[in-house]
Amino acid sequence: HGHCPQMLVLLWMTVTVVAGGVPEGAVRFLAVGDWGGVPTPPFATPREVATAAAMARAATDLGADFVLALGDNFYYEGVRDEWDPRFQETFERVFVAPGLRELPWFVLAGNHDHAGNVTAQLAYSHRSPRWHFPNYYYSLRLSLPGTNASARLLVLDTVLLCGGGDDFEAGGAPRGPRDAGAAAAQLAWLRGRLAAARRDRYVLVAGHYPVWSVAEHGPTACLVRLLRPLLRHHRVTAYLCGHDHNLQFLEEGGVGYVVSGAGNFVEESRRHEASVPPGSLRFFFGAPASPGGFAHLHLDAHAATVTFLEATGRVLYRVALPPR
């Protein structure tokens, strides 16, 4: 289905992330979405720069083993090729502070990345020691040091699953996958990975489009239909996404829904508040004057703790999710 043969090999690839010498046996990471700067000089927004600085402080203060990039890595039309200067201008030169500079990034694609060349973002993994984008979708095994417990992070491409949409148009919802066979293959892969993860203490799933969101784009009908039943059935700890340019936490059917899309823009609209299950929204932050924000996750034997931080360093909300 349009996959180059050498990429099919990677579909089954599993990357193991080992936390760096943490005595208390935790894996920690930062989750930032929609962080991709602008296509005109200086190629980074003040919010992106402020968020990068705050991420470095959080990595130092709270600890971090890696960064999860939740898509829309390069506004507005992704990158042209693996030598595109945007990799330097919007990524390498922005996230440079000590504490952040050393961390590997695990990357997924958003709709704006698909407006350009996603294959080039995959290929860039071979050019940068900190950019890890092994395939459109892939699995990360997170071992909790000092314990025999492990966690699983399944990274999806929701644009291949649901289609593209116009981000800057009201009702610009995904229009259905361009390649139905590739979408079905990804879903089958996810089912298999979820079944294989039944002994993992935590299972996290990440994609660009939200399942539930109260903001501008609201819930993604395609994911509510295809993904939500799987998340519930396999008792997934949390689903992490971006796409809406704010910070949200929702809880529904035993699954936590983390929206972290405030890395470059912040929007206050809650126009889909009536589109999510009653009582599911626990936290929303989209103050238009805010310098941005992101989430920090801390997984240990006892809980998966999600902390939402503003780029000022202020803790906005914290929630502890139990082991499965």
Protein backbone atom coordinates (compact mmCIF):
# COMPACT_ATOMS: atom_id res chain seq x y z
CA HIS A 1 0.00 0.00 0.00
CA GLY A 2 2.59 2.54 -1.04
CA HIS A 3 5.04 1.59 1.74
CA CYS A 4 8.61 1.31 0.53
CA PRO A 5 9.80 -2.22 1.42
CA GLN A 6 12.64 -1.04 3.64
CA MET A 7 10.11 0.80 5.79
CA LEU A 8 7.98 -2.26 6.44
CA VAL A 9 10.87 -3.76 8.36
CA LEU A 10 10.71 -0.86 10.77
CA LEU A 11 7.02 -1.29 11.55
CA TRP A 12 7.86 -3.95 14.09
CA MET A 13 10.79 -2.10 15.51
CA THR A 14 10.68 -1.50 19.21
CA VAL A 15 12.93 1.03 20.82
CA THR A 16 13.83 0.50 24.47
CA VAL A 17 14.34 3.65 26.49
CA VAL A 18 16.29 3.17 29.68
CA ALA A 19 16.02 5.98 32.18
CA GLY A 20 19.36 7.50 33.08
CA GLY A 21 20.44 6.34 36.53
CA VAL A 22 17.32 7.32 38.43
CA PRO A 23 17.48 5.95 41.98
CA GLU A 24 13.73 5.96 42.59
CA GLY A 25 12.94 3.89 39.51
CA ALA A 26 11.03 6.35 37.36
CA VAL A 27 10.81 7.22 33.69
CA ARG A 28 10.18 10.90 33.03
CA PHE A 29 9.48 12.73 29.79
CA LEU A 30 8.21 16.02 28.42
CA ALA A 31 5.30 16.09 25.95
CA VAL A 32 4.99 19.11 23.68
CA GLY A 33 2.79 19.55 20.63
CA ASP A 34 2.23 22.04 17.83
CA TRP A 35 5.61 23.59 18.52
CA GLY A 36 6.76 24.05 14.93
CA GLY A 37 7.66 27.74 14.63
CA VAL A 38 6.82 29.69 11.47
CA PRO A 39 8.02 29.51 7.85
CA THR A 40 9.41 33.07 7.89
CA PRO A 41 12.40 34.55 9.79
CA PRO A 42 13.26 34.02 12.60
CA PHE A 43 11.45 30.65 12.07
CA ALA A 44 10.62 30.32 15.80
CA THR A 45 7.88 32.17 17.67
CA PRO A 46 8.43 33.87 21.04
CA ARG A 47 6.15 31.19 22.53
CA GLU A 48 8.25 28.38 21.09
CA VAL A 49 11.40 29.99 22.51
CA ALA A 50 9.78 30.51 25.94
CA THR A 51 8.42 26.95 25.97
CA ALA A 52 11.86 25.56 25.06
CA ALA A 53 13.46 27.45 27.97
CA ALA A 54 10.81 26.22 30.41
CA MET A 55 11.19 22.64 29.14
CA ALA A 56 14.91 22.81 29.92
CA ARG A 57 14.13 24.00 33.45
CA ALA A 58 11.52 21.26 33.95
CA ALA A 59 13.95 18.64 32.63
CA THR A 60 16.47 19.79 35.22
CA ASP A 61 14.05 20.25 38.14
CA LEU A 62 11.61 17.37 37.58
CA GLY A 63 13.90 15.09 35.57
CA ALA A 64 13.46 13.94 31.97
CA ASP A 65 14.73 11.02 29.93
CA PHE A 66 13.31 12.14 26.59
CA VAL A 67 10.91 14.49 24.81
CA LEU A 68 7.77 13.33 23.02
CA ALA A 69 6.93 15.67 20.11
CA LEU A 70 3.21 15.46 19.38
CA GLY A 71 3.20 16.73 15.79
CA ASP A 72 2.96 19.92 13.76
CA ASN A 73 6.72 20.03 14.06
CA PHE A 74 7.13 22.54 11.20
CA TYR A 75 4.49 25.13 10.32
CA TYR A 76 2.79 25.49 7.98
CA GLU A 77 3.83 23.02 5.33
CA GLY A 78 6.32 20.70 7.00
CA VAL A 79 9.76 20.32 5.43
CA ARG A 80 10.85 19.84 1.80
CA ASP A 81 13.70 17.36 2.27
CA GLU A 82 16.06 16.11 4.97
CA TRP A 83 18.42 19.07 4.36
CA ASP A 84 15.66 21.64 4.86
CA PRO A 85 17.10 24.54 6.95
CA ARG A 86 13.94 24.43 9.08
CA PHE A 87 15.43 21.48 11.01
CA GLN A 88 18.13 23.87 12.23
CA GLU A 89 16.06 27.03 12.55
CA THR A 90 12.95 25.62 14.22
CA PHE A 91 14.41 22.63 16.09
CA GLU A 92 18.18 22.37 16.66
CA ARG A 93 18.83 26.04 17.44
CA VAL A 94 15.76 26.53 19.61
CA PHE A 95 15.95 23.61 22.06
CA VAL A 96 19.54 24.26 23.08
CA ALA A 97 19.51 24.96 26.81
CA PRO A 98 21.50 22.58 29.06
CA GLY A 99 19.20 19.89 30.43
CA LEU A 100 17.30 19.78 27.16
CA ARG A 101 20.15 19.67 24.64
CA GLU A 102 21.15 16.12 25.68
CA LEU A 103 17.67 14.59 25.50
CA PRO A 104 16.48 12.37 22.66
CA TRP A 105 13.26 13.43 20.93
CA PHE A 106 10.71 10.86 19.81
CA VAL A 107 8.63 12.36 17.06
CA LEU A 108 5.27 11.83 15.37
CA ALA A 109 3.70 13.69 12.45
CA GLY A 110 0.81 16.15 12.51
CA ASN A 111 -1.34 17.44 9.68
CA HIS A 112 1.04 20.33 8.95
CA ASP A 113 3.92 17.85 8.65
CA HIS A 114 1.87 15.87 6.14
CA ALA A 115 1.42 19.08 4.12
CA GLY A 116 5.14 18.65 3.37
CA ASN A 117 7.50 15.67 3.21
CA VAL A 118 7.16 13.36 6.24
CA THR A 119 9.66 10.91 4.73
CA ALA A 120 12.25 13.69 5.07
CA GLN A 121 11.45 13.97 8.80
CA LEU A 122 11.98 10.20 9.10
CA ALA A 123 15.28 10.47 7.21
CA TYR A 124 16.45 13.32 9.45
CA SER A 125 16.76 10.70 12.23
CA HIS A 126 20.05 9.69 10.54
CA ARG A 127 21.34 13.26 10.50
CA SER A 128 20.64 14.32 14.09
CA PRO A 129 21.64 12.38 17.21
CA ARG A 130 18.59 13.62 19.09
CA TRP A 131 15.81 13.26 16.51
CA HIS A 132 14.21 9.79 16.61
CA PHE A 133 11.44 9.22 14.10
CA PRO A 134 11.88 5.57 13.06
CA ASN A 135 8.58 5.22 11.24
CA TYR A 136 5.13 6.78 10.88
CA TYR A 137 4.06 4.66 13.86
CA TYR A 138 6.20 2.71 16.31
CA SER A 139 6.46 1.28 19.80
CA LEU A 140 8.68 2.39 22.69
CA ARG A 141 9.37 0.17 25.67
CA LEU A 142 10.06 2.15 28.83
CA SER A 143 11.72 0.17 31.59
CA LEU A 144 11.25 1.49 35.12
CA PRO A 145 14.76 1.19 36.58
CA GLY A 146 15.20 -0.74 39.81
CA THR A 147 11.86 -2.50 39.32
CA ASN A 148 10.77 -5.33 37.07
CA ALA A 149 7.95 -3.13 35.79
CA SER A 150 7.79 -1.69 32.31
CA ALA A 151 5.64 0.76 30.42
CA ARG A 152 4.75 0.93 26.76
CA LEU A 153 4.39 4.02 24.58
CA LEU A 154 2.67 3.44 21.24
CA VAL A 155 3.19 6.28 18.79
CA LEU A 156 0.61 6.69 16.02
CA ASP A 157 0.13 8.63 12.82
CA THR A 158 -3.44 9.86 13.14
CA VAL A 159 -3.25 11.68 9.79
CA LEU A 160 -2.65 8.36 7.99
CA LEU A 161 -5.45 6.91 10.13
CA CYS A 162 -8.04 9.65 9.66
CA GLY A 163 -6.90 11.93 6.85
CA GLY A 164 -5.81 15.53 6.60
CA GLY A 165 -7.91 18.57 7.34
CA ASP A 166 -7.52 22.32 7.04
CA ASP A 167 -6.25 23.47 10.42
CA PHE A 168 -7.23 27.09 9.85
CA GLU A 169 -10.76 26.57 8.68
CA ALA A 170 -13.74 26.09 10.97
CA GLY A 171 -14.85 22.50 10.75
CA GLY A 172 -11.59 21.53 9.04
CA ALA A 173 -12.02 17.97 10.31
CA PRO A 174 -9.99 15.08 8.88
CA ARG A 175 -11.57 13.94 5.63
CA GLY A 176 -10.85 10.21 5.80
CA PRO A 177 -7.56 8.42 5.10
CA ARG A 178 -5.88 8.87 1.71
CA ASP A 179 -4.92 5.17 1.76
CA ALA A 180 -7.54 2.95 3.41
CA GLY A 181 -5.21 -0.06 3.30
CA ALA A 182 -2.44 1.77 5.15
CA ALA A 183 -4.96 2.99 7.75
CA ALA A 184 -6.24 -0.57 8.28
CA ALA A 185 -2.66 -1.86 8.59
CA GLN A 186 -1.85 0.72 11.25
CA LEU A 187 -4.99 -0.16 13.21
CA ALA A 188 -4.14 -3.88 13.01
CA TRP A 189 -0.60 -3.09 14.22
CA LEU A 190 -2.02 -1.11 17.15
CA ARG A 191 -4.38 -3.95 18.13
CA GLY A 192 -1.45 -6.36 18.14
CA ARG A 193 0.78 -4.04 20.18
CA LEU A 194 -1.99 -3.40 22.73
CA ALA A 195 -2.62 -7.13 23.11
CA ALA A 196 1.12 -7.71 23.57
CA ALA A 197 1.30 -4.98 26.23
CA ARG A 198 -1.03 -6.63 28.71
CA ARG A 199 1.77 -7.14 31.26
CA ASP A 200 3.03 -3.56 31.04
CA ARG A 201 2.23 -1.52 34.13
CA TYR A 202 1.33 1.53 32.04
CA VAL A 203 0.37 1.85 28.41
CA LEU A 204 0.42 5.26 26.76
CA VAL A 205 -0.77 5.96 23.24
CA ALA A 206 0.20 9.15 21.40
CA GLY A 207 -1.08 10.77 18.22
CA HIS A 208 -1.53 14.26 16.84
CA TYR A 209 -5.32 14.48 16.62
CA PRO A 210 -7.31 14.39 19.88
CA VAL A 211 -9.86 11.74 20.74
CA TRP A 212 -11.60 14.14 23.14
CA SER A 213 -11.09 17.92 23.18
CA VAL A 214 -13.32 20.85 24.10
CA ALA A 215 -11.40 23.35 22.00
CA GLU A 216 -11.40 24.69 18.43
CA HIS A 217 -11.16 21.33 16.63
CA GLY A 218 -13.02 19.34 19.27
CA PRO A 219 -13.24 15.53 19.30
CA THR A 220 -11.96 13.70 16.21
CA ALA A 221 -14.95 11.59 15.14
CA CYS A 222 -12.71 9.08 13.35
CA LEU A 223 -10.68 8.47 16.53
CA VAL A 224 -13.74 8.37 18.80
CA ARG A 225 -14.95 5.60 16.49
CA LEU A 226 -11.70 3.68 15.87
CA LEU A 227 -9.41 4.39 18.81
CA ARG A 228 -11.57 5.03 21.87
CA PRO A 229 -12.97 1.44 22.05
CA LEU A 230 -9.41 0.04 21.88
CA LEU A 231 -8.13 2.41 24.57
CA ARG A 232 -10.95 1.39 26.89
CA HIS A 233 -10.81 -2.32 26.13
CA HIS A 234 -7.05 -2.53 26.77
CA ARG A 235 -7.21 -0.27 29.84
CA VAL A 236 -4.78 2.23 28.34
CA THR A 237 -3.44 4.64 30.96
CA ALA A 238 -3.55 7.76 28.81
CA TYR A 239 -3.81 9.06 25.26
CA LEU A 240 -1.56 12.05 24.49
CA CYS A 241 -2.13 14.45 21.62
CA GLY A 242 -1.87 18.00 20.36
CA HIS A 243 -3.70 19.72 17.45
CA ASP A 244 -5.74 22.01 19.70
CA HIS A 245 -3.51 24.84 20.86
CA ASN A 246 -4.04 24.62 24.61
CA LEU A 247 -3.58 22.26 27.56
CA GLN A 248 -6.40 19.92 28.59
CA PHE A 249 -6.99 16.88 30.74
CA LEU A 250 -10.09 14.76 30.34
CA GLU A 251 -10.93 11.43 31.94
CA GLU A 252 -13.45 9.06 30.39
CA GLY A 253 -13.98 5.33 30.67
CA GLY A 254 -10.90 4.88 32.84
CA VAL A 255 -8.61 6.50 30.24
CA GLY A 256 -6.82 9.82 30.74
CA TYR A 257 -6.80 12.19 27.76
CA VAL A 258 -3.89 14.64 27.68
CA VAL A 259 -3.97 17.50 25.17
CA SER A 260 -0.62 19.30 24.98
CA GLY A 261 -0.72 21.56 21.95
CA ALA A 262 0.52 24.86 23.40
CA GLY A 263 4.14 24.85 22.21
CA ASN A 264 3.80 27.67 19.66
CA PHE A 265 0.25 29.08 19.81
CA VAL A 266 -2.29 29.38 22.65
CA GLU A 267 -6.03 29.49 21.99
CA GLU A 268 -8.84 29.97 24.50
CA SER A 269 -11.84 28.68 22.52
CA ARG A 270 -13.86 25.99 24.30
CA ARG A 271 -16.48 25.79 21.62
CA HIS A 272 -16.74 22.01 21.77
CA GLU A 273 -17.43 21.83 25.50
CA ALA A 274 -20.79 20.18 24.77
CA SER A 275 -19.17 17.63 22.42
CA VAL A 276 -17.31 15.70 25.14
CA PRO A 277 -18.91 13.32 27.67
CA PRO A 278 -20.46 15.25 30.60
CA GLY A 279 -18.04 15.57 33.51
CA SER A 280 -15.04 14.37 31.50
CA LEU A 281 -13.18 17.70 31.37
CA ARG A 282 -10.98 18.11 34.45
CA PHE A 283 -8.61 20.87 33.34
CA PHE A 284 -8.33 23.44 30.57
CA PHE A 285 -5.78 26.20 30.02
CA GLY A 286 -5.71 28.46 26.99
CA ALA A 287 -5.04 31.99 28.24
CA PRO A 288 -4.26 34.01 25.08
CA ALA A 289 -1.58 36.08 26.84
CA SER A 290 0.23 32.93 28.03
CA PRO A 291 3.77 32.25 26.75
CA GLY A 292 2.89 28.61 26.03
CA GLY A 293 3.06 25.32 27.88
CA PHE A 294 3.67 21.57 27.86
CA ALA A 295 3.20 18.43 29.95
CA HIS A 296 5.62 16.42 32.07
CA LEU A 297 5.06 12.71 32.75
CA HIS A 298 6.57 10.77 35.62
CA LEU A 299 6.05 7.00 35.62
CA ASP A 300 7.06 4.94 38.63
CA ALA A 301 5.85 1.74 40.29
CA HIS A 302 2.96 3.56 41.99
CA ALA A 303 1.51 6.06 39.52
CA ALA A 304 1.78 7.81 36.17
CA THR A 305 1.78 11.47 37.16
CA VAL A 306 0.93 14.11 34.56
CA THR A 307 1.95 17.70 35.33
CA PHE A 308 0.89 20.56 33.08
CA LEU A 309 3.31 23.49 33.12
CA GLU A 310 3.08 26.97 31.69
CA ALA A 311 6.20 28.33 29.98
CA THR A 312 6.57 30.64 32.99
CA GLY A 313 7.42 27.52 35.01
CA ARG A 314 4.10 27.64 36.85
CA VAL A 315 2.47 24.29 37.59
CA LEU A 316 -1.09 24.54 36.26
CA TYR A 317 -2.48 21.09 37.08
CA ARG A 318 -1.29 17.70 38.25
CA VAL A 319 -3.03 14.32 38.18
CA ALA A 320 -1.85 10.84 39.23
CA LEU A 321 -3.12 7.92 37.13
CA PRO A 322 -3.04 4.45 38.73
CA PRO A 323 -1.22 1.38 37.34
CA ARG A 324 -3.40 -0.82 35.15
